[in-house]
Amino acid sequence: MLPRRLSVQAAALRENSEIDAVYSDYERRDENGGLIDVFISRQASREEMLHRLATSTGLFSIQTLLMRKRTFDQVGGLFPDDRITGFDDAEFFIRLLISGGRLRYVPGVFARWISHSSNYSKSARFHEARLFWIERLTFLAAEHEILKRELPFFKAHNYFMRGIFFLGENNPEKAMPEFAKALKADWLNVNSYYLLGKSVVWRVVSSLFKHTRPHK
């Protein structure tokens, strides 16, 4: 948390009693303190916020979200199942938005996110949690049309990221079905076609190399 966050955001909540929560901007740095980028958000409709959550970086994050206690309680707090660890903030955001939560953007870089090799989001457990996250989204979408429309994009993004993880682990065989499921959810995703093809070629080349190596 960076200086002035609480004073600026709390003032915004005090000025408008109808607002449930406020959010701001943040920066990312590497473990040596070097600046990676600065994420500047903006005001948006809840439909756009949901779509951004489904397809890319969301317009708000847990690092900069400040909300009223009554709103947190009304939404139901954080989901307690540890199978969703890593996505419990996003799951809360979904319930906040589909319940009609009113959010306001307050400009200012008020949080710092540090990227390092031990980030949980780079672990196998995090990518395994994506599967339960999809199950949870499917359950919530059954009762909310606004989320149901975004569900294919959520699925495509999460399967795509699982595929990326397996490619990073030098495992194209596991990556291929993930990219295929991403395309099934959203067949217009060009990157999924490219990486599925790359995985297939990688798998074939690896297999040929394995069978042509001389035996000792």
Protein backbone atom coordinates (compact mmCIF):
# COMPACT_ATOMS: atom_id res chain seq x y z
CA MET A 1 0.00 0.00 0.00
CA LEU A 2 1.42 3.39 -0.99
CA PRO A 3 1.06 6.72 0.84
CA ARG A 4 -2.24 8.63 0.73
CA ARG A 5 -4.30 5.62 -0.38
CA LEU A 6 -6.59 5.44 2.65
CA SER A 7 -7.04 9.19 3.05
CA VAL A 8 -7.93 9.75 -0.62
CA GLN A 9 -10.16 6.70 -1.02
CA ALA A 10 -11.93 7.12 2.33
CA ALA A 11 -12.65 10.74 1.44
CA ALA A 12 -14.26 9.58 -1.82
CA LEU A 13 -16.52 7.19 0.11
CA ARG A 14 -17.47 9.89 2.60
CA GLU A 15 -18.39 12.28 -0.21
CA ASN A 16 -20.92 9.88 -1.75
CA SER A 17 -22.94 7.65 0.54
CA GLU A 18 -24.42 5.76 -2.46
CA ILE A 19 -21.06 4.35 -3.52
CA ASP A 20 -20.26 0.86 -2.18
CA ALA A 21 -16.56 0.76 -3.02
CA VAL A 22 -13.77 2.66 -4.73
CA TYR A 23 -10.74 1.48 -6.69
CA SER A 24 -7.58 3.10 -8.03
CA ASP A 25 -4.38 2.45 -9.97
CA TYR A 26 -1.29 0.39 -9.12
CA GLU A 27 2.25 -0.27 -10.27
CA ARG A 28 4.22 -3.46 -10.76
CA ARG A 29 7.90 -3.80 -9.89
CA ASP A 30 10.43 -6.62 -10.02
CA GLU A 31 12.12 -7.99 -6.91
CA ASN A 32 14.99 -5.52 -7.37
CA GLY A 33 12.64 -2.56 -7.36
CA GLY A 34 12.70 -1.96 -11.10
CA LEU A 35 9.45 -0.64 -12.57
CA ILE A 36 7.65 -3.14 -14.84
CA ASP A 37 4.57 -1.08 -15.66
CA VAL A 38 1.83 1.11 -14.23
CA PHE A 39 -1.80 0.06 -14.52
CA ILE A 40 -4.11 3.04 -14.97
CA SER A 41 -7.78 2.15 -14.63
CA ARG A 42 -10.94 4.18 -15.35
CA GLN A 43 -14.63 4.37 -14.62
CA ALA A 44 -16.67 1.70 -16.38
CA SER A 45 -20.04 -0.05 -16.35
CA ARG A 46 -20.39 -3.33 -14.48
CA GLU A 47 -20.88 -5.08 -17.85
CA GLU A 48 -17.49 -3.84 -19.03
CA MET A 49 -15.90 -4.68 -15.69
CA LEU A 50 -17.14 -8.25 -15.96
CA HIS A 51 -15.92 -8.56 -19.53
CA ARG A 52 -12.49 -7.27 -18.60
CA LEU A 53 -12.32 -9.77 -15.73
CA ALA A 54 -13.24 -12.50 -18.20
CA THR A 55 -10.80 -11.64 -20.96
CA SER A 56 -7.80 -9.81 -19.55
CA THR A 57 -6.64 -7.63 -16.68
CA GLY A 58 -9.60 -6.46 -14.63
CA LEU A 59 -10.25 -2.77 -14.16
CA PHE A 60 -9.86 -3.08 -10.40
CA SER A 61 -7.84 -5.29 -8.09
CA ILE A 62 -7.80 -6.40 -4.48
CA GLN A 63 -4.72 -4.21 -3.92
CA THR A 64 -6.65 -0.98 -4.48
CA LEU A 65 -10.24 -1.85 -3.61
CA LEU A 66 -11.65 -0.08 -0.55
CA MET A 67 -15.25 -0.82 0.41
CA ARG A 68 -17.74 -0.30 3.14
CA LYS A 69 -18.01 -3.02 5.78
CA ARG A 70 -21.75 -3.36 5.14
CA THR A 71 -21.07 -4.04 1.45
CA PHE A 72 -18.53 -6.74 2.27
CA ASP A 73 -21.06 -8.40 4.58
CA GLN A 74 -23.94 -8.10 2.11
CA VAL A 75 -21.91 -9.72 -0.67
CA GLY A 76 -21.03 -12.58 1.69
CA GLY A 77 -17.33 -12.12 2.29
CA LEU A 78 -14.62 -14.21 0.71
CA PHE A 79 -15.43 -17.72 -0.51
CA PRO A 80 -14.05 -20.13 2.15
CA ASP A 81 -13.12 -23.14 -0.03
CA ASP A 82 -9.31 -23.30 -0.31
CA ARG A 83 -9.59 -25.07 -3.68
CA ILE A 84 -10.17 -21.64 -5.16
CA THR A 85 -7.11 -20.06 -3.52
CA GLY A 86 -5.64 -17.54 -5.93
CA PHE A 87 -9.04 -16.72 -7.39
CA ASP A 88 -10.90 -15.94 -4.17
CA ASP A 89 -10.53 -12.21 -4.85
CA ALA A 90 -11.87 -12.57 -8.41
CA GLU A 91 -14.75 -14.72 -7.14
CA PHE A 92 -15.62 -11.97 -4.66
CA PHE A 93 -15.46 -9.36 -7.43
CA ILE A 94 -17.95 -11.39 -9.47
CA ARG A 95 -20.45 -11.52 -6.61
CA LEU A 96 -19.91 -7.82 -5.91
CA LEU A 97 -20.73 -6.93 -9.52
CA ILE A 98 -23.66 -9.29 -10.11
CA SER A 99 -25.24 -8.15 -6.84
CA GLY A 100 -25.35 -4.60 -8.18
CA GLY A 101 -22.37 -3.18 -6.29
CA ARG A 102 -21.70 0.47 -7.15
CA LEU A 103 -18.02 1.18 -7.71
CA ARG A 104 -16.24 4.45 -8.37
CA TYR A 105 -12.80 5.00 -9.86
CA VAL A 106 -10.53 7.30 -7.83
CA PRO A 107 -7.38 8.24 -9.81
CA GLY A 108 -4.00 7.67 -8.20
CA VAL A 109 -1.29 5.00 -7.99
CA PHE A 110 -1.87 3.72 -4.46
CA ALA A 111 -0.52 0.15 -4.49
CA ARG A 112 2.61 -1.72 -5.54
CA TRP A 113 2.62 -5.33 -6.77
CA ILE A 114 5.97 -7.15 -6.67
CA SER A 115 6.71 -9.80 -9.31
CA HIS A 116 9.20 -12.49 -8.26
CA SER A 117 9.94 -16.14 -8.92
CA SER A 118 7.99 -17.31 -5.87
CA ASN A 119 4.70 -15.61 -6.77
CA TYR A 120 1.86 -18.04 -6.07
CA SER A 121 0.38 -17.26 -9.49
CA LYS A 122 3.37 -19.02 -11.08
CA SER A 123 2.80 -22.30 -9.21
CA ALA A 124 1.18 -25.54 -10.41
CA ARG A 125 -1.38 -25.32 -7.60
CA PHE A 126 -2.57 -21.94 -8.85
CA HIS A 127 -3.23 -23.32 -12.32
CA GLU A 128 -4.95 -26.36 -10.86
CA ALA A 129 -7.25 -23.98 -8.97
CA ARG A 130 -8.37 -22.61 -12.35
CA LEU A 131 -10.47 -25.75 -12.83
CA PHE A 132 -12.41 -25.25 -9.61
CA TRP A 133 -12.69 -21.55 -10.47
CA ILE A 134 -14.43 -22.51 -13.73
CA GLU A 135 -16.81 -24.78 -11.79
CA ARG A 136 -17.63 -21.95 -9.40
CA LEU A 137 -18.22 -19.51 -12.26
CA THR A 138 -20.53 -22.00 -13.97
CA PHE A 139 -22.54 -22.33 -10.76
CA LEU A 140 -22.88 -18.56 -10.34
CA ALA A 141 -23.73 -18.04 -14.02
CA ALA A 142 -26.73 -20.36 -13.78
CA GLU A 143 -28.56 -17.68 -11.77
CA HIS A 144 -27.20 -14.53 -13.42
CA GLU A 145 -27.65 -13.81 -17.12
CA ILE A 146 -25.04 -11.03 -17.09
CA LEU A 147 -22.41 -13.57 -15.99
CA LYS A 148 -23.72 -16.33 -18.25
CA ARG A 149 -22.87 -14.16 -21.27
CA GLU A 150 -19.27 -13.86 -20.09
CA LEU A 151 -18.79 -17.49 -19.07
CA PRO A 152 -17.31 -18.63 -22.44
CA PHE A 153 -14.68 -15.90 -22.19
CA PHE A 154 -13.80 -16.86 -18.62
CA LYS A 155 -13.42 -20.49 -19.70
CA ALA A 156 -11.34 -19.63 -22.76
CA HIS A 157 -8.98 -17.41 -20.78
CA ASN A 158 -8.42 -19.91 -17.97
CA TYR A 159 -7.87 -22.90 -20.26
CA PHE A 160 -5.54 -20.74 -22.35
CA MET A 161 -3.49 -19.79 -19.30
CA ARG A 162 -3.29 -23.45 -18.22
CA GLY A 163 -1.93 -24.23 -21.68
CA ILE A 164 0.66 -21.47 -21.34
CA PHE A 165 1.71 -22.90 -17.98
CA PHE A 166 2.20 -26.40 -19.39
CA LEU A 167 4.21 -25.02 -22.32
CA GLY A 168 6.42 -23.24 -19.80
CA GLU A 169 6.88 -26.62 -18.10
CA ASN A 170 8.03 -28.10 -21.44
CA ASN A 171 4.94 -30.30 -21.56
CA PRO A 172 3.19 -29.75 -24.92
CA GLU A 173 1.22 -32.97 -24.47
CA LYS A 174 -0.67 -31.46 -21.52
CA ALA A 175 -0.85 -28.05 -23.18
CA MET A 176 -2.65 -29.28 -26.31
CA PRO A 177 -5.99 -30.23 -24.70
CA GLU A 178 -6.04 -26.95 -22.75
CA PHE A 179 -5.73 -24.87 -25.92
CA ALA A 180 -8.35 -27.10 -27.58
CA LYS A 181 -10.78 -26.43 -24.70
CA ALA A 182 -10.02 -22.71 -24.95
CA LEU A 183 -10.98 -22.79 -28.63
CA LYS A 184 -14.14 -24.74 -27.86
CA ALA A 185 -15.17 -21.98 -25.46
CA ASP A 186 -14.18 -19.12 -27.78
CA TRP A 187 -13.35 -20.16 -31.33
CA LEU A 188 -12.38 -16.60 -32.28
CA ASN A 189 -9.34 -16.63 -30.01
CA VAL A 190 -6.48 -16.37 -32.51
CA ASN A 191 -3.76 -16.93 -29.91
CA SER A 192 -5.26 -20.30 -28.97
CA TYR A 193 -5.01 -21.48 -32.60
CA TYR A 194 -1.38 -20.41 -32.76
CA LEU A 195 -0.34 -22.03 -29.49
CA LEU A 196 -2.32 -25.20 -30.15
CA GLY A 197 -0.45 -25.52 -33.44
CA LYS A 198 2.85 -24.80 -31.70
CA SER A 199 2.09 -27.47 -29.08
CA VAL A 200 1.26 -30.06 -31.74
CA VAL A 201 4.46 -29.34 -33.68
CA TRP A 202 6.49 -29.41 -30.47
CA ARG A 203 4.93 -32.73 -29.49
CA VAL A 204 5.59 -34.28 -32.91
CA VAL A 205 9.18 -33.03 -33.09
CA SER A 206 9.86 -34.26 -29.55
CA SER A 207 8.44 -37.67 -30.43
CA LEU A 208 10.51 -37.94 -33.62
CA PHE A 209 13.67 -36.85 -31.79
CA LYS A 210 12.99 -39.40 -29.07
CA HIS A 211 12.67 -42.25 -31.60
CA THR A 212 15.68 -41.23 -33.71
CA ARG A 213 18.20 -40.90 -30.89
CA PRO A 214 20.81 -43.68 -31.01
CA HIS A 215 20.49 -46.29 -28.28
CA LYS A 216 23.50 -46.84 -26.06
